[in-house]
C-alpha atoms as a PDB file:
ATOM      1  CA  MET A   1       0.180   0.247   0.016  1.00  0.00           C
ATOM      2  CA  ALA A   2       1.109   3.481  -0.990  1.00  0.00           C
ATOM      3  CA  ASN A   3       2.389   5.664   1.626  1.00  0.00           C
ATOM      4  CA  THR A   4      -0.176   8.896   2.076  1.00  0.00           C
ATOM      5  CA  VAL A   5       0.585  11.909   4.380  1.00  0.00           C
ATOM      6  CA  GLN A   6      -1.392  11.611   7.678  1.00  0.00           C
ATOM      7  CA  SER A   7      -5.309  12.026   7.212  1.00  0.00           C
ATOM      8  CA  THR A   8      -5.020  15.730   9.200  1.00  0.00           C
ATOM      9  CA  LYS A   9      -3.108  17.321   6.625  1.00  0.00           C
ATOM     10  CA  LYS A  10      -4.757  18.558   3.590  1.00  0.00           C
ATOM     11  CA  LEU A  11      -4.182  16.657   0.271  1.00  0.00           C
ATOM     12  CA  TYR A  12      -3.998  18.798  -3.253  1.00  0.00           C
ATOM     13  CA  THR A  13      -5.796  17.413  -6.034  1.00  0.00           C
ATOM     14  CA  ILE A  14      -2.941  17.801  -8.181  1.00  0.00           C
ATOM     15  CA  GLY A  15      -4.800  20.897 -11.047  1.00  0.00           C
ATOM     16  CA  GLU A  16      -5.095  23.168  -7.580  1.00  0.00           C
ATOM     17  CA  PHE A  17      -1.107  22.459  -6.943  1.00  0.00           C
ATOM     18  CA  VAL A  18      -0.142  23.134 -10.512  1.00  0.00           C
ATOM     19  CA  GLY A  19      -2.592  26.388 -10.206  1.00  0.00           C
ATOM     20  CA  GLN A  20      -1.079  27.326  -6.617  1.00  0.00           C
ATOM     21  CA  LEU A  21       2.706  26.695  -7.928  1.00  0.00           C
ATOM     22  CA  ARG A  22       1.716  28.950 -11.507  1.00  0.00           C
ATOM     23  CA  ALA A  23       0.783  32.018  -8.429  1.00  0.00           C
ATOM     24  CA  LEU A  24       4.273  31.704  -7.404  1.00  0.00           C
ATOM     25  CA  PRO A  25       6.351  34.871  -7.899  1.00  0.00           C
ATOM     26  CA  ALA A  26       9.281  34.299 -10.539  1.00  0.00           C
ATOM     27  CA  VAL A  27      11.673  34.892  -7.856  1.00  0.00           C
ATOM     28  CA  THR A  28      10.347  32.188  -5.718  1.00  0.00           C
ATOM     29  CA  PHE A  29      12.071  29.685  -8.221  1.00  0.00           C
ATOM     30  CA  ASP A  30      15.827  31.146  -6.857  1.00  0.00           C
ATOM     31  CA  ASP A  31      14.935  29.873  -3.282  1.00  0.00           C
ATOM     32  CA  VAL A  32      15.278  26.208  -2.768  1.00  0.00           C
ATOM     33  CA  PRO A  33      13.711  26.498   0.931  1.00  0.00           C
ATOM     34  CA  GLN A  34      10.841  28.566   0.076  1.00  0.00           C
ATOM     35  CA  VAL A  35       9.929  25.591  -2.601  1.00  0.00           C
ATOM     36  CA  THR A  36      10.519  22.810  -0.749  1.00  0.00           C
ATOM     37  CA  GLU A  37       8.641  24.310   1.932  1.00  0.00           C
ATOM     38  CA  PHE A  38       5.458  25.251  -0.768  1.00  0.00           C
ATOM     39  CA  LEU A  39       5.767  21.199  -1.308  1.00  0.00           C
ATOM     40  CA  ARG A  40       5.557  20.020   2.172  1.00  0.00           C
ATOM     41  CA  LYS A  41       2.883  22.553   2.629  1.00  0.00           C
ATOM     42  CA  HIS A  42       1.118  21.257  -0.873  1.00  0.00           C
ATOM     43  CA  PRO A  43       0.780  17.465  -0.608  1.00  0.00           C
ATOM     44  CA  VAL A  44      -0.654  15.928  -3.453  1.00  0.00           C
ATOM     45  CA  GLU A  45      -4.076  13.514  -3.183  1.00  0.00           C
ATOM     46  CA  PRO A  46      -1.799   9.941  -5.084  1.00  0.00           C
ATOM     47  CA  GLN A  47      -5.416   9.832  -7.118  1.00  0.00           C
ATOM     48  CA  SER A  48      -5.281  12.855  -8.904  1.00  0.00           C
ATOM     49  CA  LEU A  49      -2.413  12.079 -10.278  1.00  0.00           C
ATOM     50  CA  LYS A  50      -3.802   8.408 -12.201  1.00  0.00           C
ATOM     51  CA  ASN A  51      -3.671  10.350 -15.752  1.00  0.00           C
ATOM     52  CA  TYR A  52       0.001  10.979 -15.633  1.00  0.00           C
ATOM     53  CA  LEU A  53       1.422   7.938 -14.467  1.00  0.00           C
ATOM     54  CA  THR A  54       3.044   5.516 -16.887  1.00  0.00           C
ATOM     55  CA  TRP A  55       5.040   2.528 -15.983  1.00  0.00           C
ATOM     56  CA  ASN A  56       7.776   0.473 -17.583  1.00  0.00           C
ATOM     57  CA  THR A  57       9.487  -2.874 -16.461  1.00  0.00           C
ATOM     58  CA  GLN A  58      12.697  -1.803 -18.074  1.00  0.00           C
ATOM     59  CA  HIS A  59      13.125   1.827 -17.085  1.00  0.00           C
ATOM     60  CA  TYR A  60      11.455   5.167 -14.704  1.00  0.00           C
ATOM     61  CA  THR A  61       9.006   7.008 -16.804  1.00  0.00           C
ATOM     62  CA  ARG A  62       9.163  10.967 -17.005  1.00  0.00           C
ATOM     63  CA  ASN A  63       5.807  12.018 -17.664  1.00  0.00           C
ATOM     64  CA  LEU A  64       5.482  16.088 -17.862  1.00  0.00           C
ATOM     65  CA  VAL A  65       2.337  17.145 -15.593  1.00  0.00           C
ATOM     66  CA  ASP A  66       2.906  21.602 -16.322  1.00  0.00           C
ATOM     67  CA  HIS A  67       5.309  23.285 -18.170  1.00  0.00           C
ATOM     68  CA  THR A  68       6.197  27.050 -17.664  1.00  0.00           C
ATOM     69  CA  ASP A  69       9.156  29.554 -18.743  1.00  0.00           C
ATOM     70  CA  MET A  70      10.056  29.116 -15.052  1.00  0.00           C
ATOM     71  CA  TYR A  71       9.264  25.994 -14.432  1.00  0.00           C
ATOM     72  CA  ASP A  72       8.394  21.678 -15.607  1.00  0.00           C
ATOM     73  CA  LEU A  73       6.599  19.995 -13.699  1.00  0.00           C
ATOM     74  CA  ILE A  74       7.459  16.631 -13.952  1.00  0.00           C
ATOM     75  CA  ALA A  75       5.919  12.708 -12.346  1.00  0.00           C
ATOM     76  CA  ILE A  76       8.465   9.940 -12.299  1.00  0.00           C
ATOM     77  CA  CYS A  77       7.157   6.617 -12.337  1.00  0.00           C
ATOM     78  CA  TRP A  78       9.764   3.912 -10.568  1.00  0.00           C
ATOM     79  CA  GLU A  79       9.015   0.818 -10.741  1.00  0.00           C
ATOM     80  CA  VAL A  80      10.527  -1.946  -7.702  1.00  0.00           C
ATOM     81  CA  GLY A  81      14.331  -1.793  -8.064  1.00  0.00           C
ATOM     82  CA  GLN A  82      14.614   1.035 -10.261  1.00  0.00           C
ATOM     83  CA  GLY A  83      16.865   4.204 -10.259  1.00  0.00           C
ATOM     84  CA  SER A  84      18.147   6.739 -11.925  1.00  0.00           C
ATOM     85  CA  SER A  85      22.164   7.523 -12.727  1.00  0.00           C
ATOM     86  CA  ILE A  86      24.096   9.808 -11.184  1.00  0.00           C
ATOM     87  CA  HIS A  87      23.437  12.782 -12.744  1.00  0.00           C
ATOM     88  CA  ASN A  88      23.519  16.768 -12.588  1.00  0.00           C
ATOM     89  CA  HIS A  89      20.895  19.182 -13.384  1.00  0.00           C
ATOM     90  CA  GLU A  90      22.867  21.272 -15.400  1.00  0.00           C
ATOM     91  CA  GLY A  91      22.762  24.566 -13.030  1.00  0.00           C
ATOM     92  CA  GLN A  92      18.874  23.948 -12.439  1.00  0.00           C
ATOM     93  CA  LYS A  93      17.357  23.737  -9.374  1.00  0.00           C
ATOM     94  CA  CYS A  94      15.174  20.628  -8.368  1.00  0.00           C
ATOM     95  CA  TRP A  95      12.983  19.697  -6.490  1.00  0.00           C
ATOM     96  CA  MET A  96      10.769  16.352  -4.956  1.00  0.00           C
ATOM     97  CA  ALA A  97       8.018  15.149  -3.395  1.00  0.00           C
ATOM     98  CA  THR A  98       6.967  11.672  -3.088  1.00  0.00           C
ATOM     99  CA  PRO A  99       3.309  11.255  -2.958  1.00  0.00           C
ATOM    100  CA  ILE A 100       3.244   7.701  -3.761  1.00  0.00           C
ATOM    101  CA  GLY A 101       5.879   5.220  -2.188  1.00  0.00           C
ATOM    102  CA  ARG A 102       9.426   5.722  -0.873  1.00  0.00           C
ATOM    103  CA  LEU A 103      12.925   7.229  -2.722  1.00  0.00           C
ATOM    104  CA  MET A 104      15.897   6.847  -1.788  1.00  0.00           C
ATOM    105  CA  VAL A 105      18.175  10.233  -2.493  1.00  0.00           C
ATOM    106  CA  GLN A 106      22.370   9.546  -3.058  1.00  0.00           C
ATOM    107  CA  ASN A 107      24.271  12.527  -3.321  1.00  0.00           C
ATOM    108  CA  TYR A 108      27.937  13.539  -4.225  1.00  0.00           C
ATOM    109  CA  ARG A 109      30.524  15.399  -4.071  1.00  0.00           C
ATOM    110  CA  VAL A 110      32.338  16.129  -7.430  1.00  0.00           C
ATOM    111  CA  ILE A 111      36.131  15.878  -6.222  1.00  0.00           C
ATOM    112  CA  ALA A 112      37.631  16.210 -10.010  1.00  0.00           C
ATOM    113  CA  ASP A 113      34.612  17.567 -12.463  1.00  0.00           C
ATOM    114  CA  CYS A 114      34.148  16.206 -15.863  1.00  0.00           C
ATOM    115  CA  ALA A 115      37.357  16.619 -18.333  1.00  0.00           C
ATOM    116  CA  GLU A 116      37.068  14.822 -21.530  1.00  0.00           C
ATOM    117  CA  GLY A 117      34.231  12.539 -20.048  1.00  0.00           C
ATOM    118  CA  CYS A 118      36.437  11.530 -17.127  1.00  0.00           C
ATOM    119  CA  CYS A 119      35.136  12.030 -13.571  1.00  0.00           C
ATOM    120  CA  GLU A 120      35.397  11.703  -9.568  1.00  0.00           C
ATOM    121  CA  LEU A 121      32.615  11.382  -7.129  1.00  0.00           C
ATOM    122  CA  ALA A 122      32.655  10.651  -3.255  1.00  0.00           C
ATOM    123  CA  PRO A 123      29.332   9.593  -2.154  1.00  0.00           C
ATOM    124  CA  THR A 124      27.915  11.788   0.942  1.00  0.00           C
ATOM    125  CA  SER A 125      24.170  12.115   2.264  1.00  0.00           C
ATOM    126  CA  LEU A 126      22.089   9.598   2.294  1.00  0.00           C
ATOM    127  CA  PHE A 127      18.356  10.151   2.487  1.00  0.00           C
ATOM    128  CA  GLU A 128      14.736   8.952   2.213  1.00  0.00           C
ATOM    129  CA  MET A 129      12.030  10.782   0.483  1.00  0.00           C
ATOM    130  CA  SER A 130       8.504  10.191   1.186  1.00  0.00           C
ATOM    131  CA  SER A 131       5.037  11.649   1.241  1.00  0.00           C
ATOM    132  CA  GLU A 132       5.878  14.066   4.201  1.00  0.00           C
ATOM    133  CA  ASN A 133       9.632  14.731   3.503  1.00  0.00           C
ATOM    134  CA  PRO A 134      10.043  16.338   0.115  1.00  0.00           C
ATOM    135  CA  ALA A 135      13.436  17.378  -1.167  1.00  0.00           C
ATOM    136  CA  GLY A 136      15.308  20.428  -2.871  1.00  0.00           C
ATOM    137  CA  VAL A 137      18.478  19.543  -4.577  1.00  0.00           C
ATOM    138  CA  ASP A 138      21.459  21.270  -2.018  1.00  0.00           C
ATOM    139  CA  PRO A 139      22.974  23.300  -5.487  1.00  0.00           C
ATOM    140  CA  ALA A 140      26.197  23.366  -3.702  1.00  0.00           C
ATOM    141  CA  GLU A 141      26.001  19.254  -3.976  1.00  0.00           C
ATOM    142  CA  PRO A 142      23.564  18.759  -7.198  1.00  0.00           C
ATOM    143  CA  VAL A 143      25.286  15.693  -7.983  1.00  0.00           C
ATOM    144  CA  HIS A 144      22.540  13.102  -6.955  1.00  0.00           C
ATOM    145  CA  GLU A 145      20.656   9.959  -7.499  1.00  0.00           C
ATOM    146  CA  VAL A 146      17.668   8.464  -6.617  1.00  0.00           C
ATOM    147  CA  THR A 147      16.095   4.828  -6.370  1.00  0.00           C
ATOM    148  CA  ASN A 148      12.962   2.408  -5.675  1.00  0.00           C
ATOM    149  CA  PRO A 149      15.079   0.305  -3.825  1.00  0.00           C
ATOM    150  CA  LYS A 150      13.613  -3.709  -3.809  1.00  0.00           C
ATOM    151  CA  GLU A 151      13.742  -3.602  -0.386  1.00  0.00           C
ATOM    152  CA  PHE A 152      10.690  -1.033   0.081  1.00  0.00           C
ATOM    153  CA  GLY A 153       8.334  -3.553  -2.015  1.00  0.00           C
ATOM    154  CA  GLU A 154       6.134  -0.934  -3.734  1.00  0.00           C
ATOM    155  CA  ARG A 155       5.643   1.250  -6.380  1.00  0.00           C
ATOM    156  CA  ALA A 156       6.362   5.222  -6.053  1.00  0.00           C
ATOM    157  CA  VAL A 157       5.766   8.408  -7.959  1.00  0.00           C
ATOM    158  CA  SER A 158       7.850  11.373  -7.508  1.00  0.00           C
ATOM    159  CA  LEU A 159       7.223  14.616  -8.817  1.00  0.00           C
ATOM    160  CA  HIS A 160      10.376  16.542  -9.976  1.00  0.00           C
ATOM    161  CA  ILE A 161       9.596  20.780 -10.111  1.00  0.00           C
ATOM    162  CA  TYR A 162      12.578  21.907 -12.349  1.00  0.00           C
ATOM    163  CA  SER A 163      13.761  25.721 -12.592  1.00  0.00           C
ATOM    164  CA  ARG A 164      14.262  26.619 -15.525  1.00  0.00           C
ATOM    165  CA  PRO A 165      13.073  23.640 -18.320  1.00  0.00           C
ATOM    166  CA  PHE A 166      16.278  22.066 -19.301  1.00  0.00           C
ATOM    167  CA  ASP A 167      16.568  19.352 -21.902  1.00  0.00           C
ATOM    168  CA  HIS A 168      19.866  17.422 -21.219  1.00  0.00           C
ATOM    169  CA  CYS A 169      21.664  16.707 -17.945  1.00  0.00           C
ATOM    170  CA  LEU A 170      25.427  15.132 -16.977  1.00  0.00           C
ATOM    171  CA  VAL A 171      25.107  11.591 -16.492  1.00  0.00           C
ATOM    172  CA  TYR A 172      28.111   9.729 -13.963  1.00  0.00           C
ATOM    173  CA  SER A 173      29.798   6.256 -13.321  1.00  0.00           C
ATOM    174  CA  ALA A 174      31.399   6.330 -10.178  1.00  0.00           C
ATOM    175  CA  GLU A 175      32.635   2.853 -10.698  1.00  0.00           C
ATOM    176  CA  LYS A 176      33.909   3.912 -14.113  1.00  0.00           C
ATOM    177  CA  ARG A 177      34.532   7.344 -13.010  1.00  0.00           C
ATOM    178  CA  THR A 178      33.243   8.424 -16.171  1.00  0.00           C
ATOM    179  CA  CYS A 179      30.727  11.162 -18.080  1.00  0.00           C
ATOM    180  CA  GLY A 180      29.027  12.479 -20.340  1.00  0.00           C
ATOM    181  CA  GLU A 181      25.762  14.351 -21.275  1.00  0.00           C
ATOM    182  CA  VAL A 182      22.201  13.031 -22.575  1.00  0.00           C
ATOM    183  CA  GLN A 183      19.769  14.526 -23.783  1.00  0.00           C
ATOM    184  CA  LEU A 184      16.297  13.325 -21.637  1.00  0.00           C
ATOM    185  CA  HIS A 185      12.894  12.999 -23.173  1.00  0.00           C
ATOM    186  CA  PHE A 186       8.876  12.969 -22.175  1.00  0.00           C
ATOM    187  CA  ASP A 187       7.386   9.158 -21.762  1.00  0.00           C
ATOM    188  CA  THR A 188       3.989  11.114 -21.631  1.00  0.00           C
ATOM    189  CA  VAL A 189       3.446  14.673 -22.572  1.00  0.00           C
ATOM    190  CA  TYR A 190      -0.027  16.393 -20.206  1.00  0.00           C
ATOM    191  CA  GLY A 191      -1.089  12.771 -19.161  1.00  0.00           C
ATOM    192  CA  LYS A 192      -0.486  11.600 -23.696  1.00  0.00           C
ATOM    193  CA  PRO A 193       2.307   9.572 -25.441  1.00  0.00           C
ATOM    194  CA  ALA A 194       5.457  11.972 -26.583  1.00  0.00           C
END
């Protein structure tokens, strides 16, 4: 059964959430703690996301929910055991909330930056994201990976706010000490196949 926030806390439909998000002044998206607090105060009702959720047994899916000049709002669907590559957000701000299930986030410090396809990383903080524990990506340590560990035993959905929108990022292999740019794509856009 998916985790949800305590019943005493108001849950927002995804439509209400988007309306509140669009009402934020542009300067808000420069403030990591402020948007993290917005996520904490505006938990999304899981059932309202159903039109944006697609699943793939081979990889997590990226589903565009809303787009403005200031941000992209994406629902990412994670089957049990799936995870992202270690990656950054090309200097953009990022916030994550998990209305369904739980996820683990591992942050990394870049010891040797990506030069000629080589890099060196060191793991730093590790934390669990749940419906009551949203997170903002630390601009000082923006390299991270997200996983839905097998031991959690359930699907998960995370909502990501990326400000400003971007279509590529750097991915890293800590084991091989390599890095490279990848293009990003959506599996669905506004609930329809991309």
